[in-house]
């Protein structure tokens, strides 16, 4: 019963974090600024919000999570920081649809890393899903060759790999990694601050990115970084798919940015493959719970 409760708790935490993340890209676009200025404001406000929340939590109770729980926490923080730099740069170098569809690949990255480093061997269905997803991403990236989006697509893949690595390490450590995900933005903040100092501060609507960095990102990152304590890395990565599905919708509604044909085809392949894989995993989970109930009746 406790295991089931923990799993449900992890799913709820991940779902809340994934839903909040869907408005990240639209808020970045609404701020209408230069990439380095946007990155500095987004990471700076996220860092400030994380430190304030941790300080209040620490002051109110000695059982508050550590800001950086050991060497694993430091590595996780660095990975989230590198992923943030790659993500923001990708926002300005490819389309929203390309970006979020390629970010969805972090689910398969997480499954591969969990297999290689945690010994959690994927099922045959997961291998099939990976192969189908590679085809989908190939179609998206192939359509970007010659369109000027290839660099942004590669950065999106880099961001997905960094996030998947951070989730896997968090799962392996068993520690609460909510705050390392927030403190990790100190790296992009310092890099961006230096670049803004040399190139100048350029943003037309800073309040959107301050809202994003001060509220949306801290909440989302904390939830998604805490969830691996209760559920597996691939399961957490699945909730990043909410951004894959909804972010292009918000951008289409606000900016009228219509995805290309190749992006829609590749994205459809990705989403269908991942939904089918998720439903299969859910079916297997129910079978296991039913088998346990038969063996250990109440």
Protein backbone atom coordinates (compact mmCIF):
# COMPACT_ATOMS: atom_id res chain seq x y z
CA UNK A 1 0.00 0.00 0.00
CA UNK A 2 2.85 2.39 0.85
CA UNK A 3 4.61 1.64 -2.46
CA UNK A 4 1.40 2.31 -4.38
CA UNK A 5 0.85 5.58 -2.47
CA UNK A 6 4.42 6.73 -3.19
CA UNK A 7 4.00 5.92 -6.87
CA UNK A 8 0.74 7.85 -7.10
CA UNK A 9 2.34 10.77 -5.26
CA UNK A 10 5.24 10.74 -7.72
CA UNK A 11 2.89 10.71 -10.71
CA UNK A 12 0.92 13.67 -9.33
CA UNK A 13 4.08 15.70 -8.62
CA UNK A 14 5.44 14.99 -12.11
CA UNK A 15 2.11 15.86 -13.75
CA UNK A 16 1.93 19.25 -11.99
CA UNK A 17 5.51 20.03 -13.00
CA UNK A 18 4.97 18.95 -16.59
CA UNK A 19 1.80 21.02 -16.94
CA UNK A 20 3.51 24.16 -15.63
CA UNK A 21 6.37 23.63 -18.09
CA UNK A 22 4.02 23.90 -21.08
CA UNK A 23 3.88 27.72 -20.77
CA UNK A 24 7.69 28.17 -20.60
CA UNK A 25 8.30 28.72 -24.33
CA UNK A 26 5.28 31.01 -24.87
CA UNK A 27 6.42 33.23 -21.97
CA UNK A 28 9.96 33.34 -23.39
CA UNK A 29 8.57 34.39 -26.75
CA UNK A 30 6.25 37.00 -25.19
CA UNK A 31 9.22 38.66 -23.45
CA UNK A 32 10.57 39.54 -26.90
CA UNK A 33 14.26 39.91 -26.10
CA UNK A 34 17.78 38.84 -27.03
CA UNK A 35 18.72 35.25 -26.09
CA UNK A 36 21.39 36.17 -23.52
CA UNK A 37 19.17 38.75 -21.83
CA UNK A 38 16.31 36.26 -21.67
CA UNK A 39 18.60 33.58 -20.25
CA UNK A 40 19.99 35.97 -17.63
CA UNK A 41 16.54 37.08 -16.43
CA UNK A 42 15.05 33.59 -16.52
CA UNK A 43 17.92 31.92 -14.65
CA UNK A 44 18.49 34.84 -12.27
CA UNK A 45 14.88 34.99 -11.09
CA UNK A 46 14.74 31.19 -10.84
CA UNK A 47 17.89 31.18 -8.69
CA UNK A 48 16.53 33.93 -6.45
CA UNK A 49 13.17 32.19 -6.02
CA UNK A 50 14.87 28.88 -5.20
CA UNK A 51 17.11 30.45 -2.57
CA UNK A 52 14.19 32.29 -0.94
CA UNK A 53 12.02 29.16 -0.76
CA UNK A 54 14.91 27.06 0.60
CA UNK A 55 15.81 29.70 3.22
CA UNK A 56 12.24 29.93 4.49
CA UNK A 57 11.90 26.13 4.51
CA UNK A 58 15.22 25.73 6.32
CA UNK A 59 14.28 28.39 8.87
CA UNK A 60 10.91 26.79 9.61
CA UNK A 61 12.11 23.18 9.95
CA UNK A 62 15.49 21.44 10.29
CA UNK A 63 14.23 18.57 8.11
CA UNK A 64 14.27 20.71 4.95
CA UNK A 65 16.10 19.12 1.97
CA UNK A 66 19.73 20.03 1.43
CA UNK A 67 20.47 22.70 -1.13
CA UNK A 68 23.08 20.47 -2.82
CA UNK A 69 22.90 16.88 -1.48
CA UNK A 70 26.47 15.70 -1.99
CA UNK A 71 28.45 15.06 -5.16
CA UNK A 72 25.44 13.64 -6.98
CA UNK A 73 23.53 16.86 -6.27
CA UNK A 74 26.38 18.92 -7.73
CA UNK A 75 26.41 16.85 -10.93
CA UNK A 76 22.61 17.11 -11.24
CA UNK A 77 22.79 20.89 -10.78
CA UNK A 78 25.46 21.19 -13.50
CA UNK A 79 23.44 19.05 -15.92
CA UNK A 80 20.30 21.16 -15.42
CA UNK A 81 22.43 24.28 -15.93
CA UNK A 82 23.92 23.02 -19.20
CA UNK A 83 20.48 21.86 -20.34
CA UNK A 84 19.06 25.32 -19.65
CA UNK A 85 21.74 27.02 -21.78
CA UNK A 86 21.10 24.60 -24.66
CA UNK A 87 17.32 25.01 -24.32
CA UNK A 88 17.24 28.81 -24.40
CA UNK A 89 19.66 28.93 -27.33
CA UNK A 90 17.49 26.39 -29.18
CA UNK A 91 14.37 28.54 -28.64
CA UNK A 92 15.97 31.24 -30.79
CA UNK A 93 17.42 28.89 -33.42
CA UNK A 94 14.54 26.56 -34.33
CA UNK A 95 10.76 26.48 -34.34
CA UNK A 96 8.75 25.78 -31.20
CA UNK A 97 7.32 22.59 -32.68
CA UNK A 98 10.76 21.25 -33.65
CA UNK A 99 12.08 22.10 -30.19
CA UNK A 100 9.39 20.40 -28.13
CA UNK A 101 9.13 17.33 -30.36
CA UNK A 102 12.89 16.73 -30.10
CA UNK A 103 12.81 17.40 -26.33
CA UNK A 104 10.32 14.53 -26.10
CA UNK A 105 13.24 12.25 -26.92
CA UNK A 106 14.44 12.67 -23.32
CA UNK A 107 12.05 9.83 -22.43
CA UNK A 108 14.08 7.40 -24.52
CA UNK A 109 17.37 8.93 -23.36
CA UNK A 110 16.23 8.27 -19.78
CA UNK A 111 15.34 4.67 -20.60
CA UNK A 112 18.74 4.07 -22.23
CA UNK A 113 20.68 5.70 -19.39
CA UNK A 114 18.69 3.77 -16.78
CA UNK A 115 19.57 0.55 -18.62
CA UNK A 116 23.27 1.38 -18.98
CA UNK A 117 23.91 2.75 -15.49
CA UNK A 118 21.11 1.48 -13.25
CA UNK A 119 20.67 -1.99 -14.74
CA UNK A 120 16.98 -1.32 -15.51
CA UNK A 121 16.80 -3.17 -18.84
CA UNK A 122 14.06 -1.78 -21.11
CA UNK A 123 11.40 -4.17 -22.32
CA UNK A 124 11.26 -5.15 -26.02
CA UNK A 125 8.37 -2.70 -26.48
CA UNK A 126 10.62 0.12 -25.29
CA UNK A 127 13.28 -0.81 -27.85
CA UNK A 128 10.64 -0.74 -30.59
CA UNK A 129 9.45 2.66 -29.37
CA UNK A 130 13.03 3.98 -29.42
CA UNK A 131 13.47 2.85 -33.02
CA UNK A 132 10.22 4.52 -34.08
CA UNK A 133 11.17 7.72 -32.25
CA UNK A 134 14.54 7.83 -34.00
CA UNK A 135 12.65 7.77 -37.30
CA UNK A 136 10.39 10.61 -36.12
CA UNK A 137 13.28 12.78 -34.95
CA UNK A 138 15.12 11.97 -38.19
CA UNK A 139 12.21 13.32 -40.23
CA UNK A 140 12.11 16.55 -38.18
CA UNK A 141 15.87 17.11 -38.32
CA UNK A 142 16.00 16.09 -42.00
CA UNK A 143 13.42 18.75 -42.80
CA UNK A 144 15.57 21.32 -40.99
CA UNK A 145 18.64 20.77 -43.17
CA UNK A 146 18.94 23.80 -45.38
CA UNK A 147 16.24 25.69 -43.47
CA UNK A 148 18.58 27.18 -40.87
CA UNK A 149 17.07 25.16 -37.99
CA UNK A 150 19.59 22.30 -37.80
CA UNK A 151 21.76 24.01 -35.16
CA UNK A 152 18.71 24.66 -32.98
CA UNK A 153 17.53 21.07 -33.39
CA UNK A 154 20.91 19.73 -32.24
CA UNK A 155 20.79 22.03 -29.21
CA UNK A 156 17.30 20.71 -28.40
CA UNK A 157 18.67 17.16 -28.47
CA UNK A 158 21.55 18.25 -26.21
CA UNK A 159 19.08 19.76 -23.73
CA UNK A 160 17.00 16.56 -23.74
CA UNK A 161 20.10 14.45 -23.05
CA UNK A 162 21.18 16.70 -20.14
CA UNK A 163 17.74 16.54 -18.53
CA UNK A 164 17.53 12.75 -18.97
CA UNK A 165 20.98 12.37 -17.41
CA UNK A 166 19.96 14.54 -14.44
CA UNK A 167 16.76 12.53 -13.92
CA UNK A 168 18.68 9.23 -14.06
CA UNK A 169 21.27 10.37 -11.51
CA UNK A 170 18.49 11.66 -9.26
CA UNK A 171 16.75 8.28 -9.44
CA UNK A 172 19.97 6.42 -8.68
CA UNK A 173 20.86 8.60 -5.68
CA UNK A 174 17.41 8.30 -4.08
CA UNK A 175 17.90 11.82 -2.72
CA UNK A 176 15.63 14.83 -2.98
CA UNK A 177 16.97 16.77 -5.98
CA UNK A 178 14.35 19.53 -6.11
CA UNK A 179 16.74 22.32 -5.15
CA UNK A 180 19.79 21.27 -7.23
CA UNK A 181 17.55 21.68 -10.29
CA UNK A 182 16.97 25.30 -9.25
CA UNK A 183 20.49 26.08 -8.04
CA UNK A 184 21.89 24.65 -11.27
CA UNK A 185 20.73 27.79 -13.10
CA UNK A 186 23.64 29.68 -11.51
CA UNK A 187 25.82 28.42 -14.39
CA UNK A 188 23.64 29.82 -17.22
CA UNK A 189 23.08 32.98 -15.15
CA UNK A 190 26.81 33.70 -14.88
CA UNK A 191 27.44 32.94 -18.56
CA UNK A 192 24.46 35.06 -19.65
CA UNK A 193 25.38 37.94 -17.29
CA UNK A 194 28.85 38.13 -18.86
CA UNK A 195 27.39 38.09 -22.38
CA UNK A 196 24.82 40.79 -21.51
CA UNK A 197 27.61 42.91 -20.02
CA UNK A 198 29.48 42.72 -23.34
CA UNK A 199 26.55 42.91 -25.79
CA UNK A 200 23.96 44.95 -23.88
CA UNK A 201 20.55 44.39 -22.23
CA UNK A 202 17.77 43.85 -24.79
CA UNK A 203 14.21 42.87 -23.81
CA UNK A 204 10.90 44.58 -24.60
CA UNK A 205 8.56 42.91 -22.08
CA UNK A 206 10.68 41.74 -19.11
CA UNK A 207 7.68 41.07 -16.87
CA UNK A 208 6.84 37.90 -18.85
CA UNK A 209 10.26 36.36 -18.34
CA UNK A 210 10.34 37.46 -14.68
CA UNK A 211 7.01 35.69 -14.14
CA UNK A 212 8.43 32.66 -15.93
CA UNK A 213 11.70 32.53 -14.00
CA UNK A 214 10.31 33.61 -10.64
CA UNK A 215 7.27 31.33 -10.48
CA UNK A 216 6.67 28.93 -13.38
CA UNK A 217 10.17 27.45 -13.77
CA UNK A 218 10.93 27.04 -10.03
CA UNK A 219 7.64 25.22 -9.50
CA UNK A 220 8.06 23.04 -12.60
CA UNK A 221 11.74 22.20 -12.05
CA UNK A 222 11.20 21.43 -8.36
CA UNK A 223 8.31 19.05 -9.09
CA UNK A 224 10.02 17.26 -11.98
CA UNK A 225 13.32 16.96 -10.07
CA UNK A 226 11.58 15.64 -6.92
CA UNK A 227 9.43 13.04 -8.71
CA UNK A 228 12.31 10.54 -9.40
CA UNK A 229 12.40 9.90 -5.66
CA UNK A 230 9.02 8.16 -6.06
CA UNK A 231 8.83 6.94 -9.69
CA UNK A 232 11.27 5.72 -12.35
CA UNK A 233 13.32 8.04 -14.57
CA UNK A 234 11.49 7.06 -17.81
CA UNK A 235 8.14 7.70 -16.09
CA UNK A 236 9.24 11.20 -15.04
CA UNK A 237 10.52 11.91 -18.54
CA UNK A 238 7.09 10.99 -19.91
CA UNK A 239 5.59 14.04 -18.23
CA UNK A 240 7.84 16.31 -20.27
CA UNK A 241 5.58 15.20 -23.15
CA UNK A 242 2.89 17.55 -21.89
CA UNK A 243 5.10 20.36 -23.21
CA UNK A 244 5.48 18.47 -26.48
CA UNK A 245 1.72 18.38 -26.99
CA UNK A 246 0.62 21.72 -25.53
CA UNK A 247 3.45 24.22 -26.12
CA UNK A 248 2.98 24.27 -29.93
CA UNK A 249 -0.75 24.78 -29.34
CA UNK A 250 -0.15 27.83 -27.09
CA UNK A 251 2.40 29.25 -29.58
CA UNK A 252 0.02 28.68 -32.49
CA UNK A 253 -2.79 30.44 -30.58
CA UNK A 254 -0.62 33.41 -29.52
CA UNK A 255 1.86 33.81 -32.39
CA UNK A 256 0.13 31.97 -35.26
CA UNK A 257 3.29 29.89 -35.83
CA UNK A 258 2.26 26.93 -37.99
CA UNK A 259 4.58 23.88 -37.91
CA UNK A 260 6.06 22.59 -41.19
CA UNK A 261 4.81 19.39 -42.84
CA UNK A 262 7.96 17.44 -41.88
CA UNK A 263 7.65 18.64 -38.29
CA UNK A 264 4.00 17.57 -38.10
CA UNK A 265 4.78 14.12 -39.58
CA UNK A 266 7.77 13.52 -37.32
CA UNK A 267 5.94 14.92 -34.29
CA UNK A 268 2.92 12.72 -34.93
CA UNK A 269 5.19 9.66 -35.10
CA UNK A 270 6.83 10.64 -31.79
CA UNK A 271 3.57 11.28 -29.97
CA UNK A 272 1.84 8.13 -31.25
CA UNK A 273 4.86 5.99 -30.35
CA UNK A 274 5.10 7.44 -26.85
CA UNK A 275 1.37 7.24 -26.15
CA UNK A 276 1.33 3.60 -27.28
CA UNK A 277 4.36 2.87 -25.11
CA UNK A 278 2.80 4.60 -22.10
CA UNK A 279 -0.48 2.67 -22.47
CA UNK A 280 1.47 -0.59 -22.73
CA UNK A 281 3.45 0.23 -19.59
CA UNK A 282 0.21 1.08 -17.77
CA UNK A 283 -1.30 -2.24 -18.87
CA UNK A 284 1.73 -4.15 -17.59
CA UNK A 285 1.61 -2.26 -14.30
CA UNK A 286 -2.02 -3.22 -13.77
CA UNK A 287 -1.21 -6.85 -14.51
CA UNK A 288 1.59 -6.81 -11.91
CA UNK A 289 -0.67 -5.21 -9.28
CA UNK A 290 -3.37 -7.78 -10.00
CA UNK A 291 -0.86 -10.63 -9.66
CA UNK A 292 0.35 -9.26 -6.31
CA UNK A 293 -3.24 -8.91 -5.09
CA UNK A 294 -3.87 -12.59 -5.89
CA UNK A 295 -0.71 -13.74 -4.10
CA UNK A 296 -1.24 -11.53 -1.05
CA UNK A 297 -5.01 -11.15 -0.54
CA UNK A 298 -6.06 -8.63 2.08
